[in-house]
């Protein structure tokens, strides 16, 4: 094997090692976003909850159909929102008057935008959102304290694609 061929073969390995050494974002382990006390409660209460790459935990209670929402789509949902201790702080459950918003436009908390990108029409999920993907350090006084883990039961009723007429 010629010298030029050797360097060609080792270049991808060198790049991978360099990325590992420098801490490339795609290769780092995801840090836990739930506070320790909340994590223990969530793991005990919902042991079968799956974890997204961003730290959102969820349990699919009813499967949906079709493609998930995309940024720019308008979704219509019904939901119940609770604190981790079970306190209900908001709900919209009337199917005739659901909550609608455009996905990916920072109109809702980050955890909701991320969740909508995974859900399909007809799907119902229990979603556990860490504080930093919810209301974070500021909270939403007086209903939501600072650094609060949030629990939502969300059902996705409809998706209007960005390029479809309303």
C-alpha atoms as a PDB file:
ATOM      1  CA  UNK A   1       0.000   0.000   0.000  1.00  0.00           C
ATOM      2  CA  UNK A   2       1.294   3.412  -0.921  1.00  0.00           C
ATOM      3  CA  UNK A   3       1.774   6.173   1.648  1.00  0.00           C
ATOM      4  CA  UNK A   4      -1.027   8.301   0.141  1.00  0.00           C
ATOM      5  CA  UNK A   5      -3.450   5.389   0.426  1.00  0.00           C
ATOM      6  CA  UNK A   6      -2.557   4.879   4.098  1.00  0.00           C
ATOM      7  CA  UNK A   7      -3.243   8.488   5.006  1.00  0.00           C
ATOM      8  CA  UNK A   8      -6.568   8.315   3.156  1.00  0.00           C
ATOM      9  CA  UNK A   9      -7.617   5.284   5.215  1.00  0.00           C
ATOM     10  CA  UNK A  10      -6.625   6.813   8.545  1.00  0.00           C
ATOM     11  CA  UNK A  11      -8.123  10.262   7.943  1.00  0.00           C
ATOM     12  CA  UNK A  12     -11.703   9.272   9.007  1.00  0.00           C
ATOM     13  CA  UNK A  13     -10.343   7.638  12.170  1.00  0.00           C
ATOM     14  CA  UNK A  14      -8.280  10.736  12.951  1.00  0.00           C
ATOM     15  CA  UNK A  15     -11.329  12.982  12.484  1.00  0.00           C
ATOM     16  CA  UNK A  16     -13.420  10.751  14.760  1.00  0.00           C
ATOM     17  CA  UNK A  17     -10.742  10.755  17.469  1.00  0.00           C
ATOM     18  CA  UNK A  18     -10.380  14.518  17.165  1.00  0.00           C
ATOM     19  CA  UNK A  19     -14.154  14.972  17.511  1.00  0.00           C
ATOM     20  CA  UNK A  20     -14.166  12.773  20.609  1.00  0.00           C
ATOM     21  CA  UNK A  21     -11.263  14.664  22.127  1.00  0.00           C
ATOM     22  CA  UNK A  22     -12.850  18.055  21.454  1.00  0.00           C
ATOM     23  CA  UNK A  23     -16.280  16.966  22.600  1.00  0.00           C
ATOM     24  CA  UNK A  24     -18.315  17.103  19.403  1.00  0.00           C
ATOM     25  CA  UNK A  25     -21.966  17.783  20.323  1.00  0.00           C
ATOM     26  CA  UNK A  26     -23.344  14.753  18.508  1.00  0.00           C
ATOM     27  CA  UNK A  27     -21.007  12.413  20.333  1.00  0.00           C
ATOM     28  CA  UNK A  28     -21.396  13.598  23.910  1.00  0.00           C
ATOM     29  CA  UNK A  29     -23.590  11.773  26.367  1.00  0.00           C
ATOM     30  CA  UNK A  30     -26.807  13.656  27.080  1.00  0.00           C
ATOM     31  CA  UNK A  31     -26.796  15.031  30.612  1.00  0.00           C
ATOM     32  CA  UNK A  32     -29.825  14.408  32.778  1.00  0.00           C
ATOM     33  CA  UNK A  33     -32.129  17.424  32.766  1.00  0.00           C
ATOM     34  CA  UNK A  34     -34.499  16.396  35.538  1.00  0.00           C
ATOM     35  CA  UNK A  35     -33.509  17.454  39.052  1.00  0.00           C
ATOM     36  CA  UNK A  36     -32.406  14.403  41.121  1.00  0.00           C
ATOM     37  CA  UNK A  37     -35.494  14.364  43.339  1.00  0.00           C
ATOM     38  CA  UNK A  38     -37.815  14.684  40.324  1.00  0.00           C
ATOM     39  CA  UNK A  39     -35.915  11.968  38.452  1.00  0.00           C
ATOM     40  CA  UNK A  40     -36.385   9.506  41.309  1.00  0.00           C
ATOM     41  CA  UNK A  41     -40.126  10.263  41.429  1.00  0.00           C
ATOM     42  CA  UNK A  42     -40.534   9.973  37.642  1.00  0.00           C
ATOM     43  CA  UNK A  43     -38.641   6.684  37.443  1.00  0.00           C
ATOM     44  CA  UNK A  44     -40.758   5.238  40.262  1.00  0.00           C
ATOM     45  CA  UNK A  45     -44.100   6.589  38.987  1.00  0.00           C
ATOM     46  CA  UNK A  46     -43.584   5.965  35.252  1.00  0.00           C
ATOM     47  CA  UNK A  47     -40.967   3.206  35.003  1.00  0.00           C
ATOM     48  CA  UNK A  48     -41.851   2.501  31.364  1.00  0.00           C
ATOM     49  CA  UNK A  49     -41.386   6.125  30.240  1.00  0.00           C
ATOM     50  CA  UNK A  50     -39.155   6.538  27.221  1.00  0.00           C
ATOM     51  CA  UNK A  51     -36.597   9.340  27.075  1.00  0.00           C
ATOM     52  CA  UNK A  52     -36.058  11.609  24.094  1.00  0.00           C
ATOM     53  CA  UNK A  53     -32.595  12.786  23.095  1.00  0.00           C
ATOM     54  CA  UNK A  54     -33.353  16.158  24.709  1.00  0.00           C
ATOM     55  CA  UNK A  55     -34.411  14.754  28.084  1.00  0.00           C
ATOM     56  CA  UNK A  56     -38.193  14.740  27.705  1.00  0.00           C
ATOM     57  CA  UNK A  57     -39.779  11.588  29.087  1.00  0.00           C
ATOM     58  CA  UNK A  58     -43.001  10.230  27.630  1.00  0.00           C
ATOM     59  CA  UNK A  59     -45.443   7.347  27.635  1.00  0.00           C
ATOM     60  CA  UNK A  60     -47.512   6.759  24.509  1.00  0.00           C
ATOM     61  CA  UNK A  61     -51.008   5.898  25.735  1.00  0.00           C
ATOM     62  CA  UNK A  62     -52.692   5.724  22.325  1.00  0.00           C
ATOM     63  CA  UNK A  63     -50.923   5.376  18.983  1.00  0.00           C
ATOM     64  CA  UNK A  64     -51.514   7.944  16.275  1.00  0.00           C
ATOM     65  CA  UNK A  65     -51.477   7.679  12.490  1.00  0.00           C
ATOM     66  CA  UNK A  66     -49.689   9.457   9.690  1.00  0.00           C
ATOM     67  CA  UNK A  67     -46.654  11.664   9.767  1.00  0.00           C
ATOM     68  CA  UNK A  68     -45.723  13.776  12.790  1.00  0.00           C
ATOM     69  CA  UNK A  69     -45.984  17.549  12.706  1.00  0.00           C
ATOM     70  CA  UNK A  70     -43.209  19.577  11.113  1.00  0.00           C
ATOM     71  CA  UNK A  71     -41.998  23.078  11.944  1.00  0.00           C
ATOM     72  CA  UNK A  72     -44.537  25.576  10.627  1.00  0.00           C
ATOM     73  CA  UNK A  73     -47.505  23.203  10.852  1.00  0.00           C
ATOM     74  CA  UNK A  74     -50.496  24.204  12.961  1.00  0.00           C
ATOM     75  CA  UNK A  75     -51.453  21.573  15.512  1.00  0.00           C
ATOM     76  CA  UNK A  76     -54.673  21.290  17.502  1.00  0.00           C
ATOM     77  CA  UNK A  77     -54.503  19.553  20.864  1.00  0.00           C
ATOM     78  CA  UNK A  78     -56.409  18.943  24.045  1.00  0.00           C
ATOM     79  CA  UNK A  79     -54.398  18.615  27.239  1.00  0.00           C
ATOM     80  CA  UNK A  80     -54.189  18.639  30.991  1.00  0.00           C
ATOM     81  CA  UNK A  81     -51.162  20.260  32.619  1.00  0.00           C
ATOM     82  CA  UNK A  82     -49.969  19.329  36.091  1.00  0.00           C
ATOM     83  CA  UNK A  83     -47.077  19.914  38.403  1.00  0.00           C
ATOM     84  CA  UNK A  84     -45.162  16.795  39.382  1.00  0.00           C
ATOM     85  CA  UNK A  85     -47.107  16.693  42.687  1.00  0.00           C
ATOM     86  CA  UNK A  86     -50.356  16.301  40.710  1.00  0.00           C
ATOM     87  CA  UNK A  87     -51.619  19.877  41.009  1.00  0.00           C
ATOM     88  CA  UNK A  88     -53.611  20.765  37.885  1.00  0.00           C
ATOM     89  CA  UNK A  89     -52.636  24.234  36.660  1.00  0.00           C
ATOM     90  CA  UNK A  90     -54.268  24.328  33.235  1.00  0.00           C
ATOM     91  CA  UNK A  91     -56.375  22.252  30.889  1.00  0.00           C
ATOM     92  CA  UNK A  92     -58.184  22.435  27.593  1.00  0.00           C
ATOM     93  CA  UNK A  93     -60.295  19.334  27.064  1.00  0.00           C
ATOM     94  CA  UNK A  94     -63.110  20.519  24.776  1.00  0.00           C
ATOM     95  CA  UNK A  95     -62.559  18.799  21.411  1.00  0.00           C
ATOM     96  CA  UNK A  96     -64.711  21.435  19.709  1.00  0.00           C
ATOM     97  CA  UNK A  97     -62.417  24.216  20.968  1.00  0.00           C
ATOM     98  CA  UNK A  98     -58.897  22.761  21.152  1.00  0.00           C
ATOM     99  CA  UNK A  99     -55.691  24.682  21.714  1.00  0.00           C
ATOM    100  CA  UNK A 100     -53.975  25.393  18.374  1.00  0.00           C
ATOM    101  CA  UNK A 101     -50.536  26.778  17.649  1.00  0.00           C
ATOM    102  CA  UNK A 102     -47.875  26.837  14.954  1.00  0.00           C
ATOM    103  CA  UNK A 103     -45.053  24.400  15.745  1.00  0.00           C
ATOM    104  CA  UNK A 104     -41.481  25.637  15.966  1.00  0.00           C
ATOM    105  CA  UNK A 105     -42.247  29.334  16.312  1.00  0.00           C
ATOM    106  CA  UNK A 106     -41.550  29.698  20.061  1.00  0.00           C
ATOM    107  CA  UNK A 107     -45.258  30.188  20.773  1.00  0.00           C
ATOM    108  CA  UNK A 108     -45.209  27.495  23.478  1.00  0.00           C
ATOM    109  CA  UNK A 109     -42.565  26.088  25.793  1.00  0.00           C
ATOM    110  CA  UNK A 110     -39.682  24.331  24.059  1.00  0.00           C
ATOM    111  CA  UNK A 111     -40.741  20.939  25.422  1.00  0.00           C
ATOM    112  CA  UNK A 112     -44.077  21.244  23.620  1.00  0.00           C
ATOM    113  CA  UNK A 113     -42.501  22.199  20.286  1.00  0.00           C
ATOM    114  CA  UNK A 114     -40.168  19.212  20.580  1.00  0.00           C
ATOM    115  CA  UNK A 115     -42.998  16.845  21.540  1.00  0.00           C
ATOM    116  CA  UNK A 116     -45.208  17.921  18.626  1.00  0.00           C
ATOM    117  CA  UNK A 117     -42.432  17.009  16.190  1.00  0.00           C
ATOM    118  CA  UNK A 118     -42.777  13.388  17.349  1.00  0.00           C
ATOM    119  CA  UNK A 119     -46.544  13.020  17.712  1.00  0.00           C
ATOM    120  CA  UNK A 120     -49.033  11.793  15.102  1.00  0.00           C
ATOM    121  CA  UNK A 121     -52.727  12.641  14.761  1.00  0.00           C
ATOM    122  CA  UNK A 122     -54.797  10.650  17.254  1.00  0.00           C
ATOM    123  CA  UNK A 123     -51.825  10.025  19.533  1.00  0.00           C
ATOM    124  CA  UNK A 124     -52.188  10.570  23.262  1.00  0.00           C
ATOM    125  CA  UNK A 125     -49.038  10.953  25.352  1.00  0.00           C
ATOM    126  CA  UNK A 126     -48.119  11.529  28.929  1.00  0.00           C
ATOM    127  CA  UNK A 127     -45.185  13.944  28.639  1.00  0.00           C
ATOM    128  CA  UNK A 128     -42.756  14.858  31.431  1.00  0.00           C
ATOM    129  CA  UNK A 129     -40.872  18.049  30.647  1.00  0.00           C
ATOM    130  CA  UNK A 130     -37.740  19.084  32.566  1.00  0.00           C
ATOM    131  CA  UNK A 131     -37.634  22.651  33.918  1.00  0.00           C
ATOM    132  CA  UNK A 132     -35.229  23.996  31.299  1.00  0.00           C
ATOM    133  CA  UNK A 133     -37.564  22.888  28.485  1.00  0.00           C
ATOM    134  CA  UNK A 134     -40.555  24.310  30.357  1.00  0.00           C
ATOM    135  CA  UNK A 135     -40.618  27.604  32.232  1.00  0.00           C
ATOM    136  CA  UNK A 136     -37.088  27.254  33.617  1.00  0.00           C
ATOM    137  CA  UNK A 137     -35.641  29.607  36.221  1.00  0.00           C
ATOM    138  CA  UNK A 138     -38.421  32.177  35.839  1.00  0.00           C
ATOM    139  CA  UNK A 139     -41.369  29.813  36.286  1.00  0.00           C
ATOM    140  CA  UNK A 140     -44.787  31.280  35.564  1.00  0.00           C
ATOM    141  CA  UNK A 141     -45.972  32.766  38.859  1.00  0.00           C
ATOM    142  CA  UNK A 142     -48.198  32.232  40.644  1.00  0.00           C
ATOM    143  CA  UNK A 143     -49.211  28.869  39.125  1.00  0.00           C
ATOM    144  CA  UNK A 144     -45.814  27.434  38.205  1.00  0.00           C
ATOM    145  CA  UNK A 145     -42.851  27.826  40.571  1.00  0.00           C
ATOM    146  CA  UNK A 146     -39.281  28.292  39.367  1.00  0.00           C
ATOM    147  CA  UNK A 147     -37.406  25.169  38.163  1.00  0.00           C
ATOM    148  CA  UNK A 148     -40.515  23.000  37.999  1.00  0.00           C
ATOM    149  CA  UNK A 149     -40.851  19.696  36.167  1.00  0.00           C
ATOM    150  CA  UNK A 150     -44.142  19.629  34.270  1.00  0.00           C
ATOM    151  CA  UNK A 151     -46.436  16.708  33.399  1.00  0.00           C
ATOM    152  CA  UNK A 152     -48.844  16.917  30.482  1.00  0.00           C
ATOM    153  CA  UNK A 153     -51.418  14.557  29.080  1.00  0.00           C
ATOM    154  CA  UNK A 154     -51.624  15.636  25.431  1.00  0.00           C
ATOM    155  CA  UNK A 155     -53.816  14.353  22.621  1.00  0.00           C
ATOM    156  CA  UNK A 156     -53.005  15.545  19.109  1.00  0.00           C
ATOM    157  CA  UNK A 157     -56.310  16.059  17.296  1.00  0.00           C
ATOM    158  CA  UNK A 158     -55.210  17.552  13.989  1.00  0.00           C
ATOM    159  CA  UNK A 159     -52.295  18.840  11.949  1.00  0.00           C
ATOM    160  CA  UNK A 160     -52.697  21.522   9.277  1.00  0.00           C
ATOM    161  CA  UNK A 161     -49.611  21.430   7.100  1.00  0.00           C
ATOM    162  CA  UNK A 162     -47.843  24.745   6.587  1.00  0.00           C
ATOM    163  CA  UNK A 163     -48.562  24.739   2.859  1.00  0.00           C
ATOM    164  CA  UNK A 164     -52.235  23.689   3.188  1.00  0.00           C
ATOM    165  CA  UNK A 165     -55.007  26.287   3.201  1.00  0.00           C
ATOM    166  CA  UNK A 166     -56.633  26.859   6.578  1.00  0.00           C
END
